[in-house]
Amino acid sequence: MNHETETAVGRIGTADVIRFVLELFAFVSLGIWGFLAWPGPWLNIVLCIGTPLFAILLWALFRSPRAVVKLDAFGKALIEIVIMGSAALSWLALGQPVVAAVFGVAATISGVISGRKELS
């Protein structure tokens, strides 16, 4: 692999893997919240599927490496804060403040590292 190909493809580091796991955890968290936070046999199933799908759609459109809509660093950070913050708040709403705090801190640290990497 020559130098041009390596820079075009990019290297996947530990921070990228941790970030990906946090993204998946956020989507699963939103699904769990959608299922457990609402009564009834239909509303909770709809929200269990719809909430993570909406978050995945936002992430794919605005935040992913191959995003359809290109945003500046502020816009990307805003989308990420909304999705990761919603996932942390979902755990808080489910009565799990420790999970919410640990996830929130981990997502914040990962976001700062990723943002600094993108800006450099």
PDB file of N, CA and C in Angstrom:
ATOM      1  N   MET A   1       0.852  -1.161   0.000  1.00  0.00           N
ATOM      2  CA  MET A   1       0.000   0.000   0.000  1.00  0.00           C
ATOM      3  C   MET A   1       0.905   1.234   0.000  1.00  0.00           C
ATOM      4  N   ASN A   2       0.723   2.100  -0.969  1.00  0.00           N
ATOM      5  CA  ASN A   2       1.571   3.290  -1.025  1.00  0.00           C
ATOM      6  C   ASN A   2       1.016   4.394  -0.122  1.00  0.00           C
ATOM      7  N   HIS A   3       1.781   5.454   0.001  1.00  0.00           N
ATOM      8  CA  HIS A   3       1.429   6.539   0.924  1.00  0.00           C
ATOM      9  C   HIS A   3       0.136   7.238   0.512  1.00  0.00           C
ATOM     10  N   GLU A   4      -0.096   7.411  -0.794  1.00  0.00           N
ATOM     11  CA  GLU A   4      -1.306   8.093  -1.260  1.00  0.00           C
ATOM     12  C   GLU A   4      -2.558   7.297  -0.909  1.00  0.00           C
ATOM     13  N   THR A   5      -2.505   5.987  -1.099  1.00  0.00           N
ATOM     14  CA  THR A   5      -3.657   5.157  -0.779  1.00  0.00           C
ATOM     15  C   THR A   5      -3.914   5.137   0.719  1.00  0.00           C
ATOM     16  N   GLU A   6      -2.850   5.086   1.507  1.00  0.00           N
ATOM     17  CA  GLU A   6      -3.008   5.032   2.953  1.00  0.00           C
ATOM     18  C   GLU A   6      -3.662   6.297   3.498  1.00  0.00           C
ATOM     19  N   THR A   7      -3.293   7.449   2.973  1.00  0.00           N
ATOM     20  CA  THR A   7      -3.904   8.685   3.460  1.00  0.00           C
ATOM     21  C   THR A   7      -5.327   8.840   2.949  1.00  0.00           C
ATOM     22  N   ALA A   8      -5.620   8.320   1.757  1.00  0.00           N
ATOM     23  CA  ALA A   8      -6.978   8.428   1.231  1.00  0.00           C
ATOM     24  C   ALA A   8      -7.934   7.538   2.026  1.00  0.00           C
ATOM     25  N   VAL A   9      -7.495   6.332   2.344  1.00  0.00           N
ATOM     26  CA  VAL A   9      -8.340   5.406   3.080  1.00  0.00           C
ATOM     27  C   VAL A   9      -8.400   5.797   4.548  1.00  0.00           C
ATOM     28  N   GLY A  10      -7.297   6.224   5.098  1.00  0.00           N
ATOM     29  CA  GLY A  10      -7.241   6.582   6.512  1.00  0.00           C
ATOM     30  C   GLY A  10      -6.900   5.372   7.353  1.00  0.00           C
ATOM     31  N   ARG A  11      -6.480   5.647   8.568  1.00  0.00           N
ATOM     32  CA  ARG A  11      -6.144   4.570   9.484  1.00  0.00           C
ATOM     33  C   ARG A  11      -7.187   4.525  10.582  1.00  0.00           C
ATOM     34  N   ILE A  12      -7.532   3.331  10.972  1.00  0.00           N
ATOM     35  CA  ILE A  12      -8.506   3.145  12.039  1.00  0.00           C
ATOM     36  C   ILE A  12      -7.735   2.882  13.322  1.00  0.00           C
ATOM     37  N   GLY A  13      -7.897   3.761  14.281  1.00  0.00           N
ATOM     38  CA  GLY A  13      -7.205   3.636  15.549  1.00  0.00           C
ATOM     39  C   GLY A  13      -8.134   3.196  16.666  1.00  0.00           C
ATOM     40  N   THR A  14      -7.591   3.123  17.848  1.00  0.00           N
ATOM     41  CA  THR A  14      -8.367   2.720  19.018  1.00  0.00           C
ATOM     42  C   THR A  14      -9.495   3.705  19.301  1.00  0.00           C
ATOM     43  N   ALA A  15      -9.222   4.982  19.151  1.00  0.00           N
ATOM     44  CA  ALA A  15     -10.252   5.999  19.401  1.00  0.00           C
ATOM     45  C   ALA A  15     -11.423   5.841  18.430  1.00  0.00           C
ATOM     46  N   ASP A  16     -11.129   5.463  17.189  1.00  0.00           N
ATOM     47  CA  ASP A  16     -12.198   5.262  16.205  1.00  0.00           C
ATOM     48  C   ASP A  16     -13.072   4.060  16.564  1.00  0.00           C
ATOM     49  N   VAL A  17     -12.445   3.002  17.043  1.00  0.00           N
ATOM     50  CA  VAL A  17     -13.204   1.811  17.440  1.00  0.00           C
ATOM     51  C   VAL A  17     -14.084   2.120  18.653  1.00  0.00           C
ATOM     52  N   ILE A  18     -13.522   2.818  19.635  1.00  0.00           N
ATOM     53  CA  ILE A  18     -14.304   3.196  20.819  1.00  0.00           C
ATOM     54  C   ILE A  18     -15.467   4.096  20.418  1.00  0.00           C
ATOM     55  N   ARG A  19     -15.214   5.003  19.512  1.00  0.00           N
ATOM     56  CA  ARG A  19     -16.258   5.914  19.035  1.00  0.00           C
ATOM     57  C   ARG A  19     -17.382   5.146  18.341  1.00  0.00           C
ATOM     58  N   PHE A  20     -17.019   4.158  17.531  1.00  0.00           N
ATOM     59  CA  PHE A  20     -18.012   3.346  16.838  1.00  0.00           C
ATOM     60  C   PHE A  20     -18.867   2.560  17.837  1.00  0.00           C
ATOM     61  N   VAL A  21     -18.231   1.998  18.853  1.00  0.00           N
ATOM     62  CA  VAL A  21     -18.976   1.266  19.882  1.00  0.00           C
ATOM     63  C   VAL A  21     -19.925   2.209  20.620  1.00  0.00           C
ATOM     64  N   LEU A  22     -19.476   3.425  20.899  1.00  0.00           N
ATOM     65  CA  LEU A  22     -20.346   4.406  21.558  1.00  0.00           C
ATOM     66  C   LEU A  22     -21.530   4.785  20.671  1.00  0.00           C
ATOM     67  N   GLU A  23     -21.303   4.893  19.375  1.00  0.00           N
ATOM     68  CA  GLU A  23     -22.405   5.187  18.451  1.00  0.00           C
ATOM     69  C   GLU A  23     -23.436   4.063  18.477  1.00  0.00           C
ATOM     70  N   LEU A  24     -22.963   2.832  18.397  1.00  0.00           N
ATOM     71  CA  LEU A  24     -23.884   1.696  18.441  1.00  0.00           C
ATOM     72  C   LEU A  24     -24.639   1.649  19.770  1.00  0.00           C
ATOM     73  N   PHE A  25     -23.930   1.913  20.861  1.00  0.00           N
ATOM     74  CA  PHE A  25     -24.568   1.930  22.177  1.00  0.00           C
ATOM     75  C   PHE A  25     -25.637   3.017  22.250  1.00  0.00           C
ATOM     76  N   ALA A  26     -25.378   4.152  21.634  1.00  0.00           N
ATOM     77  CA  ALA A  26     -26.364   5.237  21.623  1.00  0.00           C
ATOM     78  C   ALA A  26     -27.627   4.810  20.878  1.00  0.00           C
ATOM     79  N   PHE A  27     -27.467   4.172  19.732  1.00  0.00           N
ATOM     80  CA  PHE A  27     -28.634   3.744  18.959  1.00  0.00           C
ATOM     81  C   PHE A  27     -29.431   2.676  19.710  1.00  0.00           C
ATOM     82  N   VAL A  28     -28.727   1.724  20.319  1.00  0.00           N
ATOM     83  CA  VAL A  28     -29.403   0.685  21.101  1.00  0.00           C
ATOM     84  C   VAL A  28     -30.094   1.304  22.318  1.00  0.00           C
ATOM     85  N   SER A  29     -29.446   2.262  22.948  1.00  0.00           N
ATOM     86  CA  SER A  29     -30.034   2.936  24.111  1.00  0.00           C
ATOM     87  C   SER A  29     -31.342   3.622  23.751  1.00  0.00           C
ATOM     88  N   LEU A  30     -31.363   4.276  22.606  1.00  0.00           N
ATOM     89  CA  LEU A  30     -32.592   4.944  22.174  1.00  0.00           C
ATOM     90  C   LEU A  30     -33.699   3.929  21.901  1.00  0.00           C
ATOM     91  N   GLY A  31     -33.343   2.770  21.364  1.00  0.00           N
ATOM     92  CA  GLY A  31     -34.331   1.719  21.148  1.00  0.00           C
ATOM     93  C   GLY A  31     -34.880   1.158  22.448  1.00  0.00           C
ATOM     94  N   ILE A  32     -33.993   0.942  23.407  1.00  0.00           N
ATOM     95  CA  ILE A  32     -34.431   0.450  24.720  1.00  0.00           C
ATOM     96  C   ILE A  32     -35.355   1.471  25.383  1.00  0.00           C
ATOM     97  N   TRP A  33     -34.976   2.747  25.308  1.00  0.00           N
ATOM     98  CA  TRP A  33     -35.819   3.798  25.875  1.00  0.00           C
ATOM     99  C   TRP A  33     -37.189   3.810  25.202  1.00  0.00           C
ATOM    100  N   GLY A  34     -37.211   3.709  23.888  1.00  0.00           N
ATOM    101  CA  GLY A  34     -38.478   3.724  23.169  1.00  0.00           C
ATOM    102  C   GLY A  34     -39.382   2.574  23.566  1.00  0.00           C
ATOM    103  N   PHE A  35     -38.790   1.446  23.892  1.00  0.00           N
ATOM    104  CA  PHE A  35     -39.593   0.285  24.266  1.00  0.00           C
ATOM    105  C   PHE A  35     -40.056   0.334  25.718  1.00  0.00           C
ATOM    106  N   LEU A  36     -39.176   0.766  26.623  1.00  0.00           N
ATOM    107  CA  LEU A  36     -39.496   0.689  28.051  1.00  0.00           C
ATOM    108  C   LEU A  36     -40.194   1.922  28.617  1.00  0.00           C
ATOM    109  N   ALA A  37     -40.028   3.067  28.010  1.00  0.00           N
ATOM    110  CA  ALA A  37     -40.536   4.303  28.608  1.00  0.00           C
ATOM    111  C   ALA A  37     -42.002   4.577  28.305  1.00  0.00           C
ATOM    112  N   TRP A  38     -42.588   3.855  27.396  1.00  0.00           N
ATOM    113  CA  TRP A  38     -43.954   4.163  26.989  1.00  0.00           C
ATOM    114  C   TRP A  38     -44.862   2.965  27.216  1.00  0.00           C
ATOM    115  N   PRO A  39     -46.083   3.210  27.690  1.00  0.00           N
ATOM    116  CA  PRO A  39     -47.021   2.108  27.897  1.00  0.00           C
ATOM    117  C   PRO A  39     -47.690   1.714  26.580  1.00  0.00           C
ATOM    118  N   GLY A  40     -48.315   0.592  26.630  1.00  0.00           N
ATOM    119  CA  GLY A  40     -49.095   0.172  25.473  1.00  0.00           C
ATOM    120  C   GLY A  40     -48.343  -0.779  24.578  1.00  0.00           C
ATOM    121  N   PRO A  41     -49.092  -1.586  23.889  1.00  0.00           N
ATOM    122  CA  PRO A  41     -48.443  -2.584  23.044  1.00  0.00           C
ATOM    123  C   PRO A  41     -47.940  -2.038  21.707  1.00  0.00           C
ATOM    124  N   TRP A  42     -48.458  -0.911  21.252  1.00  0.00           N
ATOM    125  CA  TRP A  42     -48.061  -0.451  19.924  1.00  0.00           C
ATOM    126  C   TRP A  42     -47.119   0.736  19.948  1.00  0.00           C
ATOM    127  N   LEU A  43     -47.372   1.691  20.822  1.00  0.00           N
ATOM    128  CA  LEU A  43     -46.533   2.882  20.869  1.00  0.00           C
ATOM    129  C   LEU A  43     -45.091   2.535  21.221  1.00  0.00           C
ATOM    130  N   ASN A  44     -44.910   1.630  22.170  1.00  0.00           N
ATOM    131  CA  ASN A  44     -43.544   1.289  22.548  1.00  0.00           C
ATOM    132  C   ASN A  44     -42.814   0.540  21.435  1.00  0.00           C
ATOM    133  N   ILE A  45     -43.507  -0.260  20.676  1.00  0.00           N
ATOM    134  CA  ILE A  45     -42.858  -0.971  19.564  1.00  0.00           C
ATOM    135  C   ILE A  45     -42.489   0.009  18.454  1.00  0.00           C
ATOM    136  N   VAL A  46     -43.394   0.937  18.166  1.00  0.00           N
ATOM    137  CA  VAL A  46     -43.108   1.948  17.137  1.00  0.00           C
ATOM    138  C   VAL A  46     -41.910   2.804  17.540  1.00  0.00           C
ATOM    139  N   LEU A  47     -41.873   3.246  18.800  1.00  0.00           N
ATOM    140  CA  LEU A  47     -40.755   4.070  19.262  1.00  0.00           C
ATOM    141  C   LEU A  47     -39.465   3.265  19.407  1.00  0.00           C
ATOM    142  N   CYS A  48     -39.588   1.989  19.727  1.00  0.00           N
ATOM    143  CA  CYS A  48     -38.404   1.127  19.817  1.00  0.00           C
ATOM    144  C   CYS A  48     -37.700   1.026  18.474  1.00  0.00           C
ATOM    145  N   ILE A  49     -38.462   1.020  17.410  1.00  0.00           N
ATOM    146  CA  ILE A  49     -37.885   0.940  16.066  1.00  0.00           C
ATOM    147  C   ILE A  49     -37.622   2.330  15.499  1.00  0.00           C
ATOM    148  N   GLY A  50     -38.552   3.249  15.697  1.00  0.00           N
ATOM    149  CA  GLY A  50     -38.465   4.567  15.070  1.00  0.00           C
ATOM    150  C   GLY A  50     -37.406   5.487  15.636  1.00  0.00           C
ATOM    151  N   THR A  51     -37.219   5.474  16.947  1.00  0.00           N
ATOM    152  CA  THR A  51     -36.250   6.383  17.561  1.00  0.00           C
ATOM    153  C   THR A  51     -34.823   6.101  17.101  1.00  0.00           C
ATOM    154  N   PRO A  52     -34.357   4.852  17.157  1.00  0.00           N
ATOM    155  CA  PRO A  52     -32.995   4.616  16.650  1.00  0.00           C
ATOM    156  C   PRO A  52     -32.878   4.838  15.142  1.00  0.00           C
ATOM    157  N   LEU A  53     -33.933   4.529  14.400  1.00  0.00           N
ATOM    158  CA  LEU A  53     -33.873   4.762  12.956  1.00  0.00           C
ATOM    159  C   LEU A  53     -33.727   6.243  12.639  1.00  0.00           C
ATOM    160  N   PHE A  54     -34.428   7.085  13.384  1.00  0.00           N
ATOM    161  CA  PHE A  54     -34.306   8.526  13.185  1.00  0.00           C
ATOM    162  C   PHE A  54     -32.901   9.001  13.534  1.00  0.00           C
ATOM    163  N   ALA A  55     -32.347   8.486  14.625  1.00  0.00           N
ATOM    164  CA  ALA A  55     -30.982   8.857  15.018  1.00  0.00           C
ATOM    165  C   ALA A  55     -29.963   8.376  13.985  1.00  0.00           C
ATOM    166  N   ILE A  56     -30.152   7.175  13.472  1.00  0.00           N
ATOM    167  CA  ILE A  56     -29.249   6.646  12.440  1.00  0.00           C
ATOM    168  C   ILE A  56     -29.356   7.485  11.172  1.00  0.00           C
ATOM    169  N   LEU A  57     -30.567   7.893  10.816  1.00  0.00           N
ATOM    170  CA  LEU A  57     -30.758   8.745   9.645  1.00  0.00           C
ATOM    171  C   LEU A  57     -30.036  10.077   9.812  1.00  0.00           C
ATOM    172  N   LEU A  58     -30.188  10.707  10.981  1.00  0.00           N
ATOM    173  CA  LEU A  58     -29.471  11.962  11.236  1.00  0.00           C
ATOM    174  C   LEU A  58     -27.964  11.764  11.143  1.00  0.00           C
ATOM    175  N   TRP A  59     -27.473  10.679  11.749  1.00  0.00           N
ATOM    176  CA  TRP A  59     -26.033  10.413  11.742  1.00  0.00           C
ATOM    177  C   TRP A  59     -25.545  10.181  10.309  1.00  0.00           C
ATOM    178  N   ALA A  60     -26.291   9.409   9.540  1.00  0.00           N
ATOM    179  CA  ALA A  60     -25.872   9.111   8.168  1.00  0.00           C
ATOM    180  C   ALA A  60     -25.913  10.349   7.280  1.00  0.00           C
ATOM    181  N   LEU A  61     -26.909  11.194   7.471  1.00  0.00           N
ATOM    182  CA  LEU A  61     -27.025  12.385   6.633  1.00  0.00           C
ATOM    183  C   LEU A  61     -25.990  13.450   6.960  1.00  0.00           C
ATOM    184  N   PHE A  62     -25.685  13.626   8.240  1.00  0.00           N
ATOM    185  CA  PHE A  62     -24.886  14.783   8.640  1.00  0.00           C
ATOM    186  C   PHE A  62     -23.542  14.466   9.287  1.00  0.00           C
ATOM    187  N   ARG A  63     -23.382  13.313   9.920  1.00  0.00           N
ATOM    188  CA  ARG A  63     -22.208  13.115  10.765  1.00  0.00           C
ATOM    189  C   ARG A  63     -21.260  12.019  10.295  1.00  0.00           C
ATOM    190  N   SER A  64     -21.707  11.099   9.487  1.00  0.00           N
ATOM    191  CA  SER A  64     -20.854   9.978   9.089  1.00  0.00           C
ATOM    192  C   SER A  64     -19.707  10.464   8.195  1.00  0.00           C
ATOM    193  N   PRO A  65     -18.658   9.658   8.060  1.00  0.00           N
ATOM    194  CA  PRO A  65     -17.546  10.063   7.191  1.00  0.00           C
ATOM    195  C   PRO A  65     -17.972  10.294   5.735  1.00  0.00           C
ATOM    196  N   ARG A  66     -18.986   9.589   5.290  1.00  0.00           N
ATOM    197  CA  ARG A  66     -19.503   9.772   3.923  1.00  0.00           C
ATOM    198  C   ARG A  66     -20.874  10.450   3.965  1.00  0.00           C
ATOM    199  N   ALA A  67     -20.980  11.501   4.726  1.00  0.00           N
ATOM    200  CA  ALA A  67     -22.260  12.185   4.918  1.00  0.00           C
ATOM    201  C   ALA A  67     -22.776  12.771   3.611  1.00  0.00           C
ATOM    202  N   VAL A  68     -24.093  12.726   3.450  1.00  0.00           N
ATOM    203  CA  VAL A  68     -24.733  13.275   2.261  1.00  0.00           C
ATOM    204  C   VAL A  68     -24.683  14.798   2.298  1.00  0.00           C
ATOM    205  N   VAL A  69     -24.956  15.368   3.466  1.00  0.00           N
ATOM    206  CA  VAL A  69     -24.942  16.816   3.645  1.00  0.00           C
ATOM    207  C   VAL A  69     -23.662  17.179   4.391  1.00  0.00           C
ATOM    208  N   LYS A  70     -22.820  17.958   3.755  1.00  0.00           N
ATOM    209  CA  LYS A  70     -21.555  18.359   4.373  1.00  0.00           C
ATOM    210  C   LYS A  70     -21.795  19.530   5.319  1.00  0.00           C
ATOM    211  N   LEU A  71     -21.334  19.388   6.550  1.00  0.00           N
ATOM    212  CA  LEU A  71     -21.463  20.434   7.555  1.00  0.00           C
ATOM    213  C   LEU A  71     -20.086  20.868   8.028  1.00  0.00           C
ATOM    214  N   ASP A  72     -20.039  22.060   8.596  1.00  0.00           N
ATOM    215  CA  ASP A  72     -18.792  22.494   9.212  1.00  0.00           C
ATOM    216  C   ASP A  72     -18.647  21.800  10.567  1.00  0.00           C
ATOM    217  N   ALA A  73     -17.561  22.087  11.260  1.00  0.00           N
ATOM    218  CA  ALA A  73     -17.283  21.419  12.533  1.00  0.00           C
ATOM    219  C   ALA A  73     -18.369  21.698  13.571  1.00  0.00           C
ATOM    220  N   PHE A  74     -18.911  22.914  13.583  1.00  0.00           N
ATOM    221  CA  PHE A  74     -19.956  23.257  14.543  1.00  0.00           C
ATOM    222  C   PHE A  74     -21.223  22.435  14.291  1.00  0.00           C
ATOM    223  N   GLY A  75     -21.622  22.309  13.039  1.00  0.00           N
ATOM    224  CA  GLY A  75     -22.813  21.537  12.702  1.00  0.00           C
ATOM    225  C   GLY A  75     -22.663  20.065  13.042  1.00  0.00           C
ATOM    226  N   LYS A  76     -21.489  19.516  12.750  1.00  0.00           N
ATOM    227  CA  LYS A  76     -21.235  18.117  13.092  1.00  0.00           C
ATOM    228  C   LYS A  76     -21.287  17.906  14.594  1.00  0.00           C
ATOM    229  N   ALA A  77     -20.686  18.835  15.336  1.00  0.00           N
ATOM    230  CA  ALA A  77     -20.693  18.723  16.797  1.00  0.00           C
ATOM    231  C   ALA A  77     -22.114  18.821  17.337  1.00  0.00           C
ATOM    232  N   LEU A  78     -22.920  19.687  16.763  1.00  0.00           N
ATOM    233  CA  LEU A  78     -24.299  19.852  17.215  1.00  0.00           C
ATOM    234  C   LEU A  78     -25.107  18.570  17.009  1.00  0.00           C
ATOM    235  N   ILE A  79     -24.972  17.951  15.848  1.00  0.00           N
ATOM    236  CA  ILE A  79     -25.678  16.692  15.578  1.00  0.00           C
ATOM    237  C   ILE A  79     -25.225  15.615  16.556  1.00  0.00           C
ATOM    238  N   GLU A  80     -23.924  15.542  16.776  1.00  0.00           N
ATOM    239  CA  GLU A  80     -23.400  14.532  17.692  1.00  0.00           C
ATOM    240  C   GLU A  80     -23.877  14.769  19.125  1.00  0.00           C
ATOM    241  N   ILE A  81     -23.898  16.015  19.559  1.00  0.00           N
ATOM    242  CA  ILE A  81     -24.365  16.332  20.910  1.00  0.00           C
ATOM    243  C   ILE A  81     -25.837  15.962  21.070  1.00  0.00           C
ATOM    244  N   VAL A  82     -26.641  16.225  20.056  1.00  0.00           N
ATOM    245  CA  VAL A  82     -28.068  15.896  20.131  1.00  0.00           C
ATOM    246  C   VAL A  82     -28.268  14.387  20.252  1.00  0.00           C
ATOM    247  N   ILE A  83     -27.574  13.611  19.434  1.00  0.00           N
ATOM    248  CA  ILE A  83     -27.773  12.159  19.451  1.00  0.00           C
ATOM    249  C   ILE A  83     -27.197  11.536  20.719  1.00  0.00           C
ATOM    250  N   MET A  84     -25.954  11.859  21.037  1.00  0.00           N
ATOM    251  CA  MET A  84     -25.331  11.268  22.226  1.00  0.00           C
ATOM    252  C   MET A  84     -26.004  11.776  23.505  1.00  0.00           C
ATOM    253  N   GLY A  85     -26.389  13.046  23.517  1.00  0.00           N
ATOM    254  CA  GLY A  85     -27.098  13.581  24.678  1.00  0.00           C
ATOM    255  C   GLY A  85     -28.455  12.932  24.862  1.00  0.00           C
ATOM    256  N   SER A  86     -29.142  12.671  23.769  1.00  0.00           N
ATOM    257  CA  SER A  86     -30.437  11.988  23.853  1.00  0.00           C
ATOM    258  C   SER A  86     -30.281  10.580  24.407  1.00  0.00           C
ATOM    259  N   ALA A  87     -29.227   9.906  24.000  1.00  0.00           N
ATOM    260  CA  ALA A  87     -28.990   8.556  24.516  1.00  0.00           C
ATOM    261  C   ALA A  87     -28.692   8.588  26.012  1.00  0.00           C
ATOM    262  N   ALA A  88     -27.884   9.545  26.448  1.00  0.00           N
ATOM    263  CA  ALA A  88     -27.588   9.664  27.881  1.00  0.00           C
ATOM    264  C   ALA A  88     -28.850  10.022  28.662  1.00  0.00           C
ATOM    265  N   LEU A  89     -29.641  10.939  28.134  1.00  0.00           N
ATOM    266  CA  LEU A  89     -30.888  11.317  28.812  1.00  0.00           C
ATOM    267  C   LEU A  89     -31.896  10.169  28.836  1.00  0.00           C
ATOM    268  N   SER A  90     -31.837   9.301  27.829  1.00  0.00           N
ATOM    269  CA  SER A  90     -32.748   8.157  27.832  1.00  0.00           C
ATOM    270  C   SER A  90     -32.448   7.233  29.010  1.00  0.00           C
ATOM    271  N   TRP A  91     -31.168   7.033  29.319  1.00  0.00           N
ATOM    272  CA  TRP A  91     -30.821   6.216  30.489  1.00  0.00           C
ATOM    273  C   TRP A  91     -31.238   6.908  31.779  1.00  0.00           C
ATOM    274  N   LEU A  92     -31.122   8.211  31.805  1.00  0.00           N
ATOM    275  CA  LEU A  92     -31.550   8.957  32.989  1.00  0.00           C
ATOM    276  C   LEU A  92     -33.063   8.829  33.175  1.00  0.00           C
ATOM    277  N   ALA A  93     -33.811   8.897  32.085  1.00  0.00           N
ATOM    278  CA  ALA A  93     -35.265   8.756  32.148  1.00  0.00           C
ATOM    279  C   ALA A  93     -35.683   7.348  32.575  1.00  0.00           C
ATOM    280  N   LEU A  94     -34.844   6.369  32.289  1.00  0.00           N
ATOM    281  CA  LEU A  94     -35.138   4.991  32.683  1.00  0.00           C
ATOM    282  C   LEU A  94     -34.701   4.691  34.114  1.00  0.00           C
ATOM    283  N   GLY A  95     -34.179   5.705  34.801  1.00  0.00           N
ATOM    284  CA  GLY A  95     -33.781   5.512  36.187  1.00  0.00           C
ATOM    285  C   GLY A  95     -32.407   4.892  36.355  1.00  0.00           C
ATOM    286  N   GLN A  96     -31.537   5.093  35.398  1.00  0.00           N
ATOM    287  CA  GLN A  96     -30.176   4.553  35.439  1.00  0.00           C
ATOM    288  C   GLN A  96     -29.161   5.691  35.367  1.00  0.00           C
ATOM    289  N   PRO A  97     -29.007   6.470  36.434  1.00  0.00           N
ATOM    290  CA  PRO A  97     -28.114   7.636  36.373  1.00  0.00           C
ATOM    291  C   PRO A  97     -26.640   7.280  36.214  1.00  0.00           C
ATOM    292  N   VAL A  98     -26.224   6.130  36.724  1.00  0.00           N
ATOM    293  CA  VAL A  98     -24.811   5.739  36.593  1.00  0.00           C
ATOM    294  C   VAL A  98     -24.482   5.444  35.132  1.00  0.00           C
ATOM    295  N   VAL A  99     -25.354   4.701  34.465  1.00  0.00           N
ATOM    296  CA  VAL A  99     -25.140   4.404  33.044  1.00  0.00           C
ATOM    297  C   VAL A  99     -25.149   5.700  32.245  1.00  0.00           C
ATOM    298  N   ALA A 100     -26.077   6.597  32.565  1.00  0.00           N
ATOM    299  CA  ALA A 100     -26.160   7.881  31.861  1.00  0.00           C
ATOM    300  C   ALA A 100     -24.890   8.691  32.051  1.00  0.00           C
ATOM    301  N   ALA A 101     -24.370   8.733  33.268  1.00  0.00           N
ATOM    302  CA  ALA A 101     -23.164   9.520  33.543  1.00  0.00           C
ATOM    303  C   ALA A 101     -21.936   8.921  32.868  1.00  0.00           C
ATOM    304  N   VAL A 102     -21.776   7.608  32.968  1.00  0.00           N
ATOM    305  CA  VAL A 102     -20.608   6.958  32.352  1.00  0.00           C
ATOM    306  C   VAL A 102     -20.652   7.121  30.840  1.00  0.00           C
ATOM    307  N   PHE A 103     -21.819   6.897  30.254  1.00  0.00           N
ATOM    308  CA  PHE A 103     -21.936   7.055  28.805  1.00  0.00           C
ATOM    309  C   PHE A 103     -21.720   8.503  28.393  1.00  0.00           C
ATOM    310  N   GLY A 104     -22.294   9.431  29.135  1.00  0.00           N
ATOM    311  CA  GLY A 104     -22.132  10.847  28.806  1.00  0.00           C
ATOM    312  C   GLY A 104     -20.685  11.293  28.848  1.00  0.00           C
ATOM    313  N   VAL A 105     -19.961  10.875  29.875  1.00  0.00           N
ATOM    314  CA  VAL A 105     -18.542  11.239  29.982  1.00  0.00           C
ATOM    315  C   VAL A 105     -17.735  10.582  28.865  1.00  0.00           C
ATOM    316  N   ALA A 106     -17.991   9.298  28.609  1.00  0.00           N
ATOM    317  CA  ALA A 106     -17.260   8.601  27.545  1.00  0.00           C
ATOM    318  C   ALA A 106     -17.547   9.219  26.180  1.00  0.00           C
ATOM    319  N   ALA A 107     -18.804   9.556  25.914  1.00  0.00           N
ATOM    320  CA  ALA A 107     -19.162  10.163  24.630  1.00  0.00           C
ATOM    321  C   ALA A 107     -18.556  11.551  24.489  1.00  0.00           C
ATOM    322  N   THR A 108     -18.510  12.296  25.578  1.00  0.00           N
ATOM    323  CA  THR A 108     -17.906  13.634  25.539  1.00  0.00           C
ATOM    324  C   THR A 108     -16.416  13.554  25.246  1.00  0.00           C
ATOM    325  N   ILE A 109     -15.719  12.675  25.944  1.00  0.00           N
ATOM    326  CA  ILE A 109     -14.274  12.518  25.716  1.00  0.00           C
ATOM    327  C   ILE A 109     -14.012  12.057  24.289  1.00  0.00           C
ATOM    328  N   SER A 110     -14.786  11.089  23.827  1.00  0.00           N
ATOM    329  CA  SER A 110     -14.612  10.598  22.460  1.00  0.00           C
ATOM    330  C   SER A 110     -14.906  11.688  21.435  1.00  0.00           C
ATOM    331  N   GLY A 111     -15.936  12.486  21.682  1.00  0.00           N
ATOM    332  CA  GLY A 111     -16.275  13.573  20.767  1.00  0.00           C
ATOM    333  C   GLY A 111     -15.203  14.638  20.705  1.00  0.00           C
ATOM    334  N   VAL A 112     -14.622  14.969  21.851  1.00  0.00           N
ATOM    335  CA  VAL A 112     -13.548  15.968  21.878  1.00  0.00           C
ATOM    336  C   VAL A 112     -12.326  15.452  21.127  1.00  0.00           C
ATOM    337  N   ILE A 113     -11.962  14.199  21.367  1.00  0.00           N
ATOM    338  CA  ILE A 113     -10.806  13.621  20.667  1.00  0.00           C
ATOM    339  C   ILE A 113     -11.054  13.585  19.167  1.00  0.00           C
ATOM    340  N   SER A 114     -12.242  13.152  18.773  1.00  0.00           N
ATOM    341  CA  SER A 114     -12.569  13.081  17.348  1.00  0.00           C
ATOM    342  C   SER A 114     -12.623  14.461  16.711  1.00  0.00           C
ATOM    343  N   GLY A 115     -13.206  15.417  17.420  1.00  0.00           N
ATOM    344  CA  GLY A 115     -13.291  16.775  16.886  1.00  0.00           C
ATOM    345  C   GLY A 115     -11.928  17.411  16.696  1.00  0.00           C
ATOM    346  N   ARG A 116     -11.046  17.208  17.662  1.00  0.00           N
ATOM    347  CA  ARG A 116      -9.688  17.754  17.535  1.00  0.00           C
ATOM    348  C   ARG A 116      -8.941  17.079  16.386  1.00  0.00           C
ATOM    349  N   LYS A 117      -9.208  15.793  16.197  1.00  0.00           N
ATOM    350  CA  LYS A 117      -8.569  15.058  15.101  1.00  0.00           C
ATOM    351  C   LYS A 117      -9.059  15.581  13.748  1.00  0.00           C
ATOM    352  N   GLU A 118     -10.353  15.889  13.657  1.00  0.00           N
ATOM    353  CA  GLU A 118     -10.907  16.414  12.407  1.00  0.00           C
ATOM    354  C   GLU A 118     -10.393  17.813  12.099  1.00  0.00           C
ATOM    355  N   LEU A 119     -10.206  18.622  13.130  1.00  0.00           N
ATOM    356  CA  LEU A 119      -9.764  20.001  12.918  1.00  0.00           C
ATOM    357  C   LEU A 119      -8.285  20.102  12.572  1.00  0.00           C
ATOM    358  N   SER A 120      -7.516  19.092  12.926  1.00  0.00           N
ATOM    359  CA  SER A 120      -6.076  19.173  12.638  1.00  0.00           C
ATOM    360  C   SER A 120      -5.733  18.633  11.273  1.00  0.00           C
TER     361      SER A 120
END
